[in-house]
Amino acid sequence: MRMTTTSVLLALALGLAAPLTQAQQVRVTTNAGSFVITLDPSRAPLTVEHFLQYVEEDHYAGTIFHRVVPGFVAQGGGYTEDYELKPAERTVPNESGNGLSNQRGTVGVARTGDPHSGSSQFYINLADNLELNPRPTRWGYAVFGTVTEGMEVVDEIGHRPTGAGGPFPRDVPVDPVVIESVEVLP
């Protein structure tokens, strides 16, 4: 049974549970190929738990990479091929001060201007994006994993032609990149 973010926080606060510290891996299978993300629960325990809940619920199947900016990021996990926003009511507290940096190949939580609004969407850094890291005067974007296999697939996604699509005026791959599944590896 998977604990909720609230129950994990309560258990940690009461000393009833040790934080997750062992790295876990997930395989993301897309119509462009597969890649593996190694999650870092020792640095981003709430974010990893949050992401794994969406994985367990099969939330990502049928979503697309709806924003691809060459030399910046590939973002997905929230919209269907029909550009419908998939319901994702849970958000996660921002863990951007965890010491992990937005470097090429790292995976972070996408969010709005509200620093604690991250839900199901994630992005992969296609380059070092240190401007996404926290500063003393503002929140950053929380990194919670790294692509450890298949970065060539991510690079190929990052070089696809883009244009307008659905509600987005630009940066949408012309040929949709569909996430077929995300599975936890043993």
N, C-alpha and C. Protein backbone atom coordinates (compact mmCIF):
# COMPACT_ATOMS: atom_id res chain seq x y z
N MET A 1 0.84 -1.17 0.00
CA MET A 1 0.00 0.00 0.00
C MET A 1 0.89 1.24 0.00
N ARG A 2 0.61 2.18 -0.88
CA ARG A 2 1.38 3.41 -1.01
C ARG A 2 0.81 4.47 -0.07
N MET A 3 1.71 5.15 0.66
CA MET A 3 1.27 6.19 1.59
C MET A 3 1.04 7.49 0.83
N THR A 4 0.12 8.31 1.30
CA THR A 4 -0.10 9.62 0.71
C THR A 4 0.98 10.58 1.20
N THR A 5 1.11 11.72 0.52
CA THR A 5 2.09 12.71 0.92
C THR A 5 1.86 13.15 2.35
N THR A 6 0.61 13.37 2.71
CA THR A 6 0.27 13.80 4.07
C THR A 6 0.68 12.74 5.08
N SER A 7 0.39 11.47 4.79
CA SER A 7 0.72 10.41 5.74
C SER A 7 2.23 10.23 5.85
N VAL A 8 2.96 10.43 4.76
CA VAL A 8 4.42 10.34 4.80
C VAL A 8 4.98 11.46 5.69
N LEU A 9 4.47 12.69 5.49
CA LEU A 9 4.93 13.81 6.32
C LEU A 9 4.63 13.58 7.79
N LEU A 10 3.43 13.10 8.09
CA LEU A 10 3.04 12.84 9.47
C LEU A 10 3.92 11.75 10.07
N ALA A 11 4.15 10.67 9.33
CA ALA A 11 4.97 9.58 9.83
C ALA A 11 6.41 10.04 10.08
N LEU A 12 6.94 10.86 9.16
CA LEU A 12 8.30 11.38 9.35
C LEU A 12 8.36 12.29 10.56
N ALA A 13 7.36 13.16 10.70
CA ALA A 13 7.34 14.11 11.82
C ALA A 13 7.26 13.37 13.16
N LEU A 14 6.54 12.27 13.19
CA LEU A 14 6.39 11.50 14.42
C LEU A 14 7.50 10.48 14.62
N GLY A 15 8.40 10.40 13.64
CA GLY A 15 9.50 9.45 13.76
C GLY A 15 9.06 8.01 13.54
N LEU A 16 7.92 7.81 12.87
CA LEU A 16 7.40 6.46 12.68
C LEU A 16 7.90 5.81 11.40
N ALA A 17 8.52 6.59 10.54
CA ALA A 17 8.99 6.02 9.27
C ALA A 17 10.28 6.71 8.86
N ALA A 18 11.14 5.96 8.24
CA ALA A 18 12.35 6.54 7.68
C ALA A 18 12.04 7.04 6.28
N PRO A 19 12.64 8.14 5.87
CA PRO A 19 12.38 8.61 4.52
C PRO A 19 12.89 7.60 3.49
N LEU A 20 12.25 7.59 2.32
CA LEU A 20 12.73 6.75 1.23
C LEU A 20 14.10 7.27 0.81
N THR A 21 15.07 6.41 0.72
CA THR A 21 16.40 6.86 0.34
C THR A 21 16.97 6.06 -0.82
N GLN A 22 16.39 4.94 -1.14
CA GLN A 22 16.92 4.11 -2.21
C GLN A 22 16.38 4.59 -3.54
N ALA A 23 17.28 4.84 -4.49
CA ALA A 23 16.88 5.30 -5.81
C ALA A 23 15.97 4.27 -6.46
N GLN A 24 14.97 4.77 -7.15
CA GLN A 24 14.06 3.92 -7.91
C GLN A 24 14.13 4.35 -9.36
N GLN A 25 13.77 3.44 -10.26
CA GLN A 25 13.78 3.76 -11.67
C GLN A 25 12.42 3.52 -12.29
N VAL A 26 12.09 4.34 -13.28
CA VAL A 26 10.89 4.14 -14.08
C VAL A 26 11.27 4.16 -15.55
N ARG A 27 10.58 3.35 -16.32
CA ARG A 27 10.77 3.36 -17.78
C ARG A 27 9.60 4.11 -18.40
N VAL A 28 9.93 5.12 -19.19
CA VAL A 28 8.92 5.89 -19.93
C VAL A 28 8.97 5.40 -21.36
N THR A 29 7.87 4.81 -21.82
CA THR A 29 7.77 4.30 -23.19
C THR A 29 6.91 5.26 -23.99
N THR A 30 7.47 5.77 -25.09
CA THR A 30 6.74 6.68 -25.97
C THR A 30 6.72 6.10 -27.38
N ASN A 31 5.95 6.73 -28.25
CA ASN A 31 5.95 6.29 -29.64
C ASN A 31 7.24 6.70 -30.35
N ALA A 32 8.14 7.41 -29.66
CA ALA A 32 9.45 7.78 -30.21
C ALA A 32 10.57 6.92 -29.63
N GLY A 33 10.25 6.03 -28.70
CA GLY A 33 11.24 5.20 -28.04
C GLY A 33 11.09 5.28 -26.53
N SER A 34 11.98 4.60 -25.82
CA SER A 34 11.90 4.53 -24.35
C SER A 34 13.13 5.16 -23.71
N PHE A 35 12.94 5.61 -22.48
CA PHE A 35 14.06 6.09 -21.68
C PHE A 35 13.77 5.77 -20.22
N VAL A 36 14.82 5.74 -19.41
CA VAL A 36 14.72 5.39 -18.00
C VAL A 36 15.08 6.62 -17.17
N ILE A 37 14.25 6.89 -16.16
CA ILE A 37 14.51 7.96 -15.20
C ILE A 37 14.86 7.31 -13.86
N THR A 38 15.99 7.71 -13.30
CA THR A 38 16.35 7.30 -11.95
C THR A 38 15.88 8.41 -11.01
N LEU A 39 14.97 8.06 -10.11
CA LEU A 39 14.38 9.01 -9.18
C LEU A 39 15.28 9.16 -7.96
N ASP A 40 15.22 10.33 -7.31
CA ASP A 40 16.07 10.58 -6.16
C ASP A 40 15.22 10.89 -4.92
N PRO A 41 14.70 9.84 -4.25
CA PRO A 41 13.86 10.06 -3.07
C PRO A 41 14.63 10.59 -1.86
N SER A 42 15.95 10.47 -1.85
CA SER A 42 16.69 11.01 -0.71
C SER A 42 16.72 12.53 -0.74
N ARG A 43 16.68 13.13 -1.93
CA ARG A 43 16.72 14.58 -2.07
C ARG A 43 15.34 15.18 -2.31
N ALA A 44 14.44 14.42 -2.91
CA ALA A 44 13.11 14.93 -3.25
C ALA A 44 12.04 13.92 -2.86
N PRO A 45 11.93 13.59 -1.56
CA PRO A 45 11.02 12.51 -1.14
C PRO A 45 9.55 12.79 -1.45
N LEU A 46 9.10 13.99 -1.23
CA LEU A 46 7.68 14.29 -1.49
C LEU A 46 7.38 14.26 -2.98
N THR A 47 8.29 14.81 -3.77
CA THR A 47 8.09 14.86 -5.22
C THR A 47 8.13 13.47 -5.83
N VAL A 48 9.07 12.64 -5.40
CA VAL A 48 9.15 11.27 -5.91
C VAL A 48 7.88 10.50 -5.55
N GLU A 49 7.44 10.60 -4.31
CA GLU A 49 6.22 9.91 -3.88
C GLU A 49 5.02 10.39 -4.71
N HIS A 50 4.95 11.69 -4.92
CA HIS A 50 3.86 12.31 -5.70
C HIS A 50 3.87 11.77 -7.14
N PHE A 51 5.04 11.77 -7.77
CA PHE A 51 5.18 11.27 -9.14
C PHE A 51 4.80 9.79 -9.23
N LEU A 52 5.28 9.00 -8.26
CA LEU A 52 4.98 7.57 -8.27
C LEU A 52 3.49 7.28 -8.08
N GLN A 53 2.78 8.15 -7.38
CA GLN A 53 1.32 7.97 -7.26
C GLN A 53 0.67 8.11 -8.64
N TYR A 54 1.10 9.10 -9.41
CA TYR A 54 0.56 9.25 -10.77
C TYR A 54 0.95 8.06 -11.65
N VAL A 55 2.17 7.55 -11.48
CA VAL A 55 2.60 6.36 -12.23
C VAL A 55 1.71 5.18 -11.87
N GLU A 56 1.49 4.97 -10.57
CA GLU A 56 0.68 3.84 -10.10
C GLU A 56 -0.75 3.92 -10.64
N GLU A 57 -1.27 5.12 -10.78
CA GLU A 57 -2.64 5.33 -11.30
C GLU A 57 -2.71 5.27 -12.82
N ASP A 58 -1.59 5.03 -13.49
CA ASP A 58 -1.51 4.96 -14.95
C ASP A 58 -1.92 6.29 -15.59
N HIS A 59 -1.67 7.38 -14.88
CA HIS A 59 -2.06 8.70 -15.34
C HIS A 59 -1.38 9.08 -16.66
N TYR A 60 -0.13 8.69 -16.83
CA TYR A 60 0.66 9.18 -17.96
C TYR A 60 0.33 8.51 -19.29
N ALA A 61 -0.29 7.33 -19.27
CA ALA A 61 -0.62 6.64 -20.51
C ALA A 61 -1.55 7.51 -21.36
N GLY A 62 -1.14 7.75 -22.59
CA GLY A 62 -1.96 8.55 -23.50
C GLY A 62 -1.74 10.05 -23.41
N THR A 63 -0.80 10.49 -22.56
CA THR A 63 -0.48 11.91 -22.53
C THR A 63 0.64 12.18 -23.53
N ILE A 64 0.86 13.45 -23.81
CA ILE A 64 1.84 13.83 -24.83
C ILE A 64 2.91 14.76 -24.24
N PHE A 65 4.00 14.87 -24.97
CA PHE A 65 4.94 15.96 -24.74
C PHE A 65 4.37 17.14 -25.52
N HIS A 66 3.76 18.06 -24.79
CA HIS A 66 3.04 19.17 -25.44
C HIS A 66 3.88 20.43 -25.59
N ARG A 67 5.05 20.43 -25.00
CA ARG A 67 5.92 21.61 -25.07
C ARG A 67 7.36 21.13 -25.25
N VAL A 68 7.94 21.44 -26.40
CA VAL A 68 9.32 21.07 -26.68
C VAL A 68 10.03 22.32 -27.19
N VAL A 69 11.00 22.77 -26.42
CA VAL A 69 11.78 23.95 -26.78
C VAL A 69 13.23 23.49 -26.93
N PRO A 70 13.73 23.40 -28.18
CA PRO A 70 15.11 22.92 -28.39
C PRO A 70 16.11 23.72 -27.55
N GLY A 71 17.05 23.00 -26.94
CA GLY A 71 18.05 23.65 -26.11
C GLY A 71 17.52 24.11 -24.77
N PHE A 72 16.28 23.72 -24.43
CA PHE A 72 15.71 24.11 -23.14
C PHE A 72 15.06 22.90 -22.48
N VAL A 73 13.78 22.61 -22.76
CA VAL A 73 13.09 21.50 -22.11
C VAL A 73 12.13 20.78 -23.05
N ALA A 74 11.79 19.54 -22.65
CA ALA A 74 10.67 18.78 -23.23
C ALA A 74 9.73 18.52 -22.07
N GLN A 75 8.48 19.00 -22.19
CA GLN A 75 7.51 18.92 -21.09
C GLN A 75 6.32 18.08 -21.50
N GLY A 76 5.85 17.25 -20.57
CA GLY A 76 4.69 16.41 -20.84
C GLY A 76 4.02 15.95 -19.57
N GLY A 77 3.07 15.01 -19.77
CA GLY A 77 2.41 14.39 -18.63
C GLY A 77 1.10 15.01 -18.22
N GLY A 78 0.59 15.97 -18.99
CA GLY A 78 -0.64 16.62 -18.56
C GLY A 78 -1.75 16.66 -19.58
N TYR A 79 -1.40 16.58 -20.87
CA TYR A 79 -2.40 16.73 -21.93
C TYR A 79 -2.49 15.47 -22.77
N THR A 80 -3.71 15.18 -23.23
CA THR A 80 -3.95 14.05 -24.13
C THR A 80 -3.63 14.46 -25.56
N GLU A 81 -3.68 13.51 -26.48
CA GLU A 81 -3.45 13.80 -27.90
C GLU A 81 -4.44 14.81 -28.45
N ASP A 82 -5.62 14.90 -27.82
CA ASP A 82 -6.64 15.86 -28.24
C ASP A 82 -6.48 17.19 -27.53
N TYR A 83 -5.36 17.37 -26.84
CA TYR A 83 -5.05 18.60 -26.09
C TYR A 83 -6.04 18.87 -24.97
N GLU A 84 -6.60 17.80 -24.43
CA GLU A 84 -7.45 17.93 -23.25
C GLU A 84 -6.55 17.79 -22.02
N LEU A 85 -6.73 18.70 -21.07
CA LEU A 85 -5.95 18.61 -19.83
C LEU A 85 -6.49 17.46 -19.01
N LYS A 86 -5.61 16.51 -18.70
CA LYS A 86 -6.01 15.35 -17.92
C LYS A 86 -6.15 15.77 -16.46
N PRO A 87 -7.24 15.41 -15.79
CA PRO A 87 -7.42 15.82 -14.39
C PRO A 87 -6.25 15.37 -13.52
N ALA A 88 -5.74 16.31 -12.73
CA ALA A 88 -4.63 16.04 -11.81
C ALA A 88 -4.77 17.02 -10.66
N GLU A 89 -5.61 16.68 -9.70
CA GLU A 89 -5.93 17.62 -8.62
C GLU A 89 -4.85 17.74 -7.55
N ARG A 90 -4.04 16.69 -7.37
CA ARG A 90 -3.03 16.72 -6.31
C ARG A 90 -1.84 17.59 -6.72
N THR A 91 -1.36 18.38 -5.78
CA THR A 91 -0.14 19.14 -6.00
C THR A 91 0.88 18.74 -4.93
N VAL A 92 2.09 19.18 -5.13
CA VAL A 92 3.18 18.79 -4.22
C VAL A 92 3.91 20.05 -3.74
N PRO A 93 4.31 20.07 -2.48
CA PRO A 93 5.12 21.20 -2.01
C PRO A 93 6.43 21.28 -2.81
N ASN A 94 6.87 22.49 -3.07
CA ASN A 94 8.07 22.72 -3.87
C ASN A 94 9.32 22.31 -3.09
N GLU A 95 10.09 21.38 -3.67
CA GLU A 95 11.33 20.91 -3.06
C GLU A 95 12.56 21.40 -3.84
N SER A 96 12.45 22.58 -4.44
CA SER A 96 13.55 23.05 -5.29
C SER A 96 14.84 23.35 -4.52
N GLY A 97 14.78 23.51 -3.23
CA GLY A 97 15.97 23.76 -2.43
C GLY A 97 16.68 22.49 -1.99
N ASN A 98 16.50 21.40 -2.74
CA ASN A 98 17.02 20.10 -2.31
C ASN A 98 18.47 19.82 -2.72
N GLY A 99 19.11 20.78 -3.39
CA GLY A 99 20.49 20.60 -3.79
C GLY A 99 20.67 20.01 -5.18
N LEU A 100 19.58 19.57 -5.81
CA LEU A 100 19.66 19.06 -7.18
C LEU A 100 19.50 20.23 -8.15
N SER A 101 20.29 20.23 -9.20
CA SER A 101 20.33 21.35 -10.14
C SER A 101 19.68 20.97 -11.47
N ASN A 102 19.09 21.95 -12.13
CA ASN A 102 18.46 21.76 -13.43
C ASN A 102 19.53 21.68 -14.51
N GLN A 103 20.20 20.53 -14.56
CA GLN A 103 21.24 20.29 -15.55
C GLN A 103 20.70 19.36 -16.64
N ARG A 104 21.39 19.34 -17.76
CA ARG A 104 20.99 18.50 -18.89
C ARG A 104 20.69 17.08 -18.42
N GLY A 105 19.53 16.56 -18.81
CA GLY A 105 19.16 15.19 -18.48
C GLY A 105 18.42 15.03 -17.18
N THR A 106 18.32 16.09 -16.38
CA THR A 106 17.56 15.98 -15.13
C THR A 106 16.08 16.20 -15.42
N VAL A 107 15.26 15.69 -14.50
CA VAL A 107 13.80 15.74 -14.64
C VAL A 107 13.25 16.56 -13.48
N GLY A 108 12.36 17.49 -13.79
CA GLY A 108 11.79 18.35 -12.78
C GLY A 108 10.28 18.43 -12.87
N VAL A 109 9.69 19.05 -11.85
CA VAL A 109 8.24 19.23 -11.79
C VAL A 109 7.87 20.53 -12.48
N ALA A 110 6.99 20.44 -13.48
CA ALA A 110 6.47 21.64 -14.11
C ALA A 110 5.42 22.26 -13.18
N ARG A 111 5.31 23.57 -13.23
CA ARG A 111 4.35 24.25 -12.37
C ARG A 111 3.96 25.58 -12.98
N THR A 112 2.98 26.23 -12.38
CA THR A 112 2.58 27.58 -12.77
C THR A 112 3.44 28.57 -11.97
N GLY A 113 3.03 29.82 -11.93
CA GLY A 113 3.72 30.82 -11.14
C GLY A 113 3.64 30.57 -9.64
N ASP A 114 2.66 29.78 -9.22
CA ASP A 114 2.54 29.38 -7.81
C ASP A 114 3.61 28.32 -7.55
N PRO A 115 4.56 28.57 -6.65
CA PRO A 115 5.66 27.62 -6.45
C PRO A 115 5.22 26.23 -5.99
N HIS A 116 4.03 26.12 -5.42
CA HIS A 116 3.56 24.82 -4.90
C HIS A 116 2.44 24.25 -5.76
N SER A 117 2.44 24.55 -7.05
CA SER A 117 1.36 24.12 -7.94
C SER A 117 1.71 22.92 -8.80
N GLY A 118 2.88 22.31 -8.61
CA GLY A 118 3.27 21.16 -9.41
C GLY A 118 2.28 20.02 -9.24
N SER A 119 1.79 19.48 -10.36
CA SER A 119 0.87 18.34 -10.28
C SER A 119 1.48 17.18 -11.07
N SER A 120 0.90 16.79 -12.18
CA SER A 120 1.39 15.61 -12.90
C SER A 120 2.44 15.94 -13.95
N GLN A 121 2.51 17.18 -14.40
CA GLN A 121 3.42 17.50 -15.50
C GLN A 121 4.87 17.55 -15.04
N PHE A 122 5.74 17.07 -15.92
CA PHE A 122 7.17 17.06 -15.65
C PHE A 122 7.90 17.55 -16.89
N TYR A 123 9.15 17.90 -16.72
CA TYR A 123 9.97 18.31 -17.86
C TYR A 123 11.33 17.65 -17.75
N ILE A 124 11.98 17.53 -18.90
CA ILE A 124 13.34 17.02 -18.97
C ILE A 124 14.20 18.15 -19.52
N ASN A 125 15.27 18.45 -18.81
CA ASN A 125 16.18 19.50 -19.26
C ASN A 125 17.00 19.01 -20.44
N LEU A 126 16.90 19.73 -21.56
CA LEU A 126 17.66 19.39 -22.76
C LEU A 126 19.03 20.05 -22.76
N ALA A 127 19.25 20.94 -21.81
CA ALA A 127 20.52 21.65 -21.63
C ALA A 127 20.62 22.00 -20.15
N ASP A 128 21.75 22.54 -19.75
CA ASP A 128 21.87 23.05 -18.38
C ASP A 128 20.99 24.30 -18.29
N ASN A 129 20.03 24.30 -17.39
CA ASN A 129 19.08 25.40 -17.21
C ASN A 129 19.16 25.92 -15.78
N LEU A 130 20.30 26.46 -15.44
CA LEU A 130 20.54 26.90 -14.07
C LEU A 130 19.60 28.02 -13.64
N GLU A 131 19.02 28.74 -14.60
CA GLU A 131 18.05 29.80 -14.26
C GLU A 131 16.77 29.23 -13.64
N LEU A 132 16.56 27.92 -13.75
CA LEU A 132 15.39 27.30 -13.12
C LEU A 132 15.65 26.91 -11.66
N ASN A 133 16.90 27.01 -11.22
CA ASN A 133 17.24 26.69 -9.83
C ASN A 133 16.72 27.78 -8.90
N PRO A 134 16.54 27.46 -7.62
CA PRO A 134 16.08 28.49 -6.67
C PRO A 134 17.16 29.55 -6.44
N ARG A 135 16.70 30.72 -6.05
CA ARG A 135 17.57 31.83 -5.67
C ARG A 135 17.14 32.26 -4.27
N PRO A 136 17.95 33.02 -3.59
CA PRO A 136 17.56 33.46 -2.24
C PRO A 136 16.24 34.23 -2.21
N THR A 137 15.88 34.85 -3.33
CA THR A 137 14.67 35.67 -3.36
C THR A 137 13.49 35.04 -4.08
N ARG A 138 13.65 33.81 -4.59
CA ARG A 138 12.53 33.18 -5.29
C ARG A 138 12.67 31.66 -5.30
N TRP A 139 11.52 31.00 -5.47
CA TRP A 139 11.47 29.55 -5.61
C TRP A 139 12.03 29.16 -6.97
N GLY A 140 12.54 27.95 -7.04
CA GLY A 140 12.97 27.39 -8.31
C GLY A 140 12.03 26.28 -8.73
N TYR A 141 12.50 25.46 -9.65
CA TYR A 141 11.76 24.31 -10.15
C TYR A 141 12.46 23.06 -9.64
N ALA A 142 11.71 22.21 -8.95
CA ALA A 142 12.28 21.06 -8.23
C ALA A 142 12.68 19.93 -9.17
N VAL A 143 13.94 19.55 -9.10
CA VAL A 143 14.47 18.38 -9.80
C VAL A 143 14.25 17.18 -8.89
N PHE A 144 13.82 16.05 -9.50
CA PHE A 144 13.59 14.85 -8.70
C PHE A 144 14.14 13.58 -9.33
N GLY A 145 14.81 13.70 -10.46
CA GLY A 145 15.37 12.53 -11.11
C GLY A 145 16.28 12.90 -12.26
N THR A 146 16.86 11.85 -12.87
CA THR A 146 17.78 12.02 -13.99
C THR A 146 17.54 10.92 -15.01
N VAL A 147 17.56 11.29 -16.29
CA VAL A 147 17.49 10.28 -17.35
C VAL A 147 18.83 9.56 -17.36
N THR A 148 18.79 8.26 -17.07
CA THR A 148 20.02 7.47 -16.98
C THR A 148 20.18 6.48 -18.12
N GLU A 149 19.14 6.29 -18.91
CA GLU A 149 19.21 5.47 -20.13
C GLU A 149 18.28 6.10 -21.15
N GLY A 150 18.72 6.12 -22.40
CA GLY A 150 17.85 6.58 -23.48
C GLY A 150 17.84 8.09 -23.69
N MET A 151 18.89 8.79 -23.27
CA MET A 151 18.91 10.24 -23.49
C MET A 151 18.88 10.57 -24.97
N GLU A 152 19.33 9.64 -25.81
CA GLU A 152 19.26 9.88 -27.25
C GLU A 152 17.82 9.98 -27.73
N VAL A 153 16.91 9.24 -27.08
CA VAL A 153 15.48 9.34 -27.40
C VAL A 153 14.95 10.72 -27.00
N VAL A 154 15.34 11.18 -25.81
CA VAL A 154 14.93 12.50 -25.34
C VAL A 154 15.49 13.58 -26.28
N ASP A 155 16.74 13.44 -26.69
CA ASP A 155 17.33 14.41 -27.62
C ASP A 155 16.57 14.44 -28.94
N GLU A 156 16.17 13.26 -29.41
CA GLU A 156 15.41 13.21 -30.67
C GLU A 156 14.08 13.93 -30.50
N ILE A 157 13.41 13.73 -29.38
CA ILE A 157 12.16 14.45 -29.10
C ILE A 157 12.44 15.96 -29.08
N GLY A 158 13.55 16.35 -28.48
CA GLY A 158 13.92 17.75 -28.36
C GLY A 158 14.27 18.43 -29.67
N HIS A 159 14.49 17.66 -30.72
CA HIS A 159 14.82 18.23 -32.03
C HIS A 159 13.68 18.12 -33.04
N ARG A 160 12.52 17.68 -32.59
CA ARG A 160 11.39 17.55 -33.51
C ARG A 160 10.86 18.92 -33.92
N PRO A 161 10.37 19.01 -35.16
CA PRO A 161 9.75 20.28 -35.58
C PRO A 161 8.51 20.55 -34.72
N THR A 162 8.32 21.82 -34.39
CA THR A 162 7.19 22.23 -33.55
C THR A 162 6.41 23.35 -34.22
N GLY A 163 5.22 23.56 -33.70
CA GLY A 163 4.36 24.65 -34.17
C GLY A 163 3.21 24.81 -33.20
N ALA A 164 2.12 25.36 -33.69
CA ALA A 164 0.93 25.54 -32.86
C ALA A 164 0.19 24.20 -32.76
N GLY A 165 -0.52 24.02 -31.64
CA GLY A 165 -1.33 22.82 -31.45
C GLY A 165 -2.27 23.02 -30.29
N GLY A 166 -3.55 22.70 -30.48
CA GLY A 166 -4.53 22.87 -29.41
C GLY A 166 -4.51 24.30 -28.90
N PRO A 167 -4.44 24.48 -27.57
CA PRO A 167 -4.45 25.83 -27.02
C PRO A 167 -3.07 26.52 -27.04
N PHE A 168 -2.06 25.83 -27.58
CA PHE A 168 -0.70 26.34 -27.52
C PHE A 168 -0.30 27.00 -28.85
N PRO A 169 0.18 28.24 -28.81
CA PRO A 169 0.53 28.94 -30.03
C PRO A 169 1.84 28.48 -30.66
N ARG A 170 2.66 27.75 -29.90
CA ARG A 170 3.95 27.29 -30.42
C ARG A 170 4.50 26.16 -29.53
N ASP A 171 5.62 25.60 -29.96
CA ASP A 171 6.41 24.61 -29.21
C ASP A 171 5.76 23.24 -29.08
N VAL A 172 4.71 22.95 -29.86
CA VAL A 172 4.06 21.64 -29.83
C VAL A 172 4.64 20.79 -30.96
N PRO A 173 5.16 19.59 -30.68
CA PRO A 173 5.66 18.75 -31.76
C PRO A 173 4.60 18.55 -32.85
N VAL A 174 5.01 18.74 -34.11
CA VAL A 174 4.10 18.58 -35.25
C VAL A 174 3.60 17.14 -35.30
N ASP A 175 4.51 16.19 -35.11
CA ASP A 175 4.13 14.78 -34.99
C ASP A 175 4.09 14.48 -33.50
N PRO A 176 2.90 14.21 -32.94
CA PRO A 176 2.77 14.04 -31.49
C PRO A 176 3.70 12.97 -30.91
N VAL A 177 4.29 13.30 -29.77
CA VAL A 177 5.09 12.34 -29.01
C VAL A 177 4.19 11.89 -27.86
N VAL A 178 3.70 10.64 -27.97
CA VAL A 178 2.73 10.11 -27.02
C VAL A 178 3.43 9.21 -26.01
N ILE A 179 3.14 9.45 -24.74
CA ILE A 179 3.62 8.56 -23.68
C ILE A 179 2.66 7.37 -23.63
N GLU A 180 3.18 6.20 -23.94
CA GLU A 180 2.37 4.99 -23.96
C GLU A 180 2.25 4.40 -22.56
N SER A 181 3.33 4.45 -21.80
CA SER A 181 3.31 3.92 -20.43
C SER A 181 4.49 4.46 -19.63
N VAL A 182 4.32 4.44 -18.32
CA VAL A 182 5.42 4.70 -17.38
C VAL A 182 5.31 3.59 -16.35
N GLU A 183 6.37 2.82 -16.21
CA GLU A 183 6.35 1.68 -15.29
C GLU A 183 7.55 1.72 -14.35
N VAL A 184 7.31 1.33 -13.10
CA VAL A 184 8.40 1.21 -12.13
C VAL A 184 9.19 -0.04 -12.45
N LEU A 185 10.50 0.09 -12.48
CA LEU A 185 11.36 -1.05 -12.76
C LEU A 185 11.71 -1.75 -11.45
N PRO A 186 11.88 -3.09 -11.53
CA PRO A 186 12.23 -3.85 -10.31
C PRO A 186 13.63 -3.51 -9.83
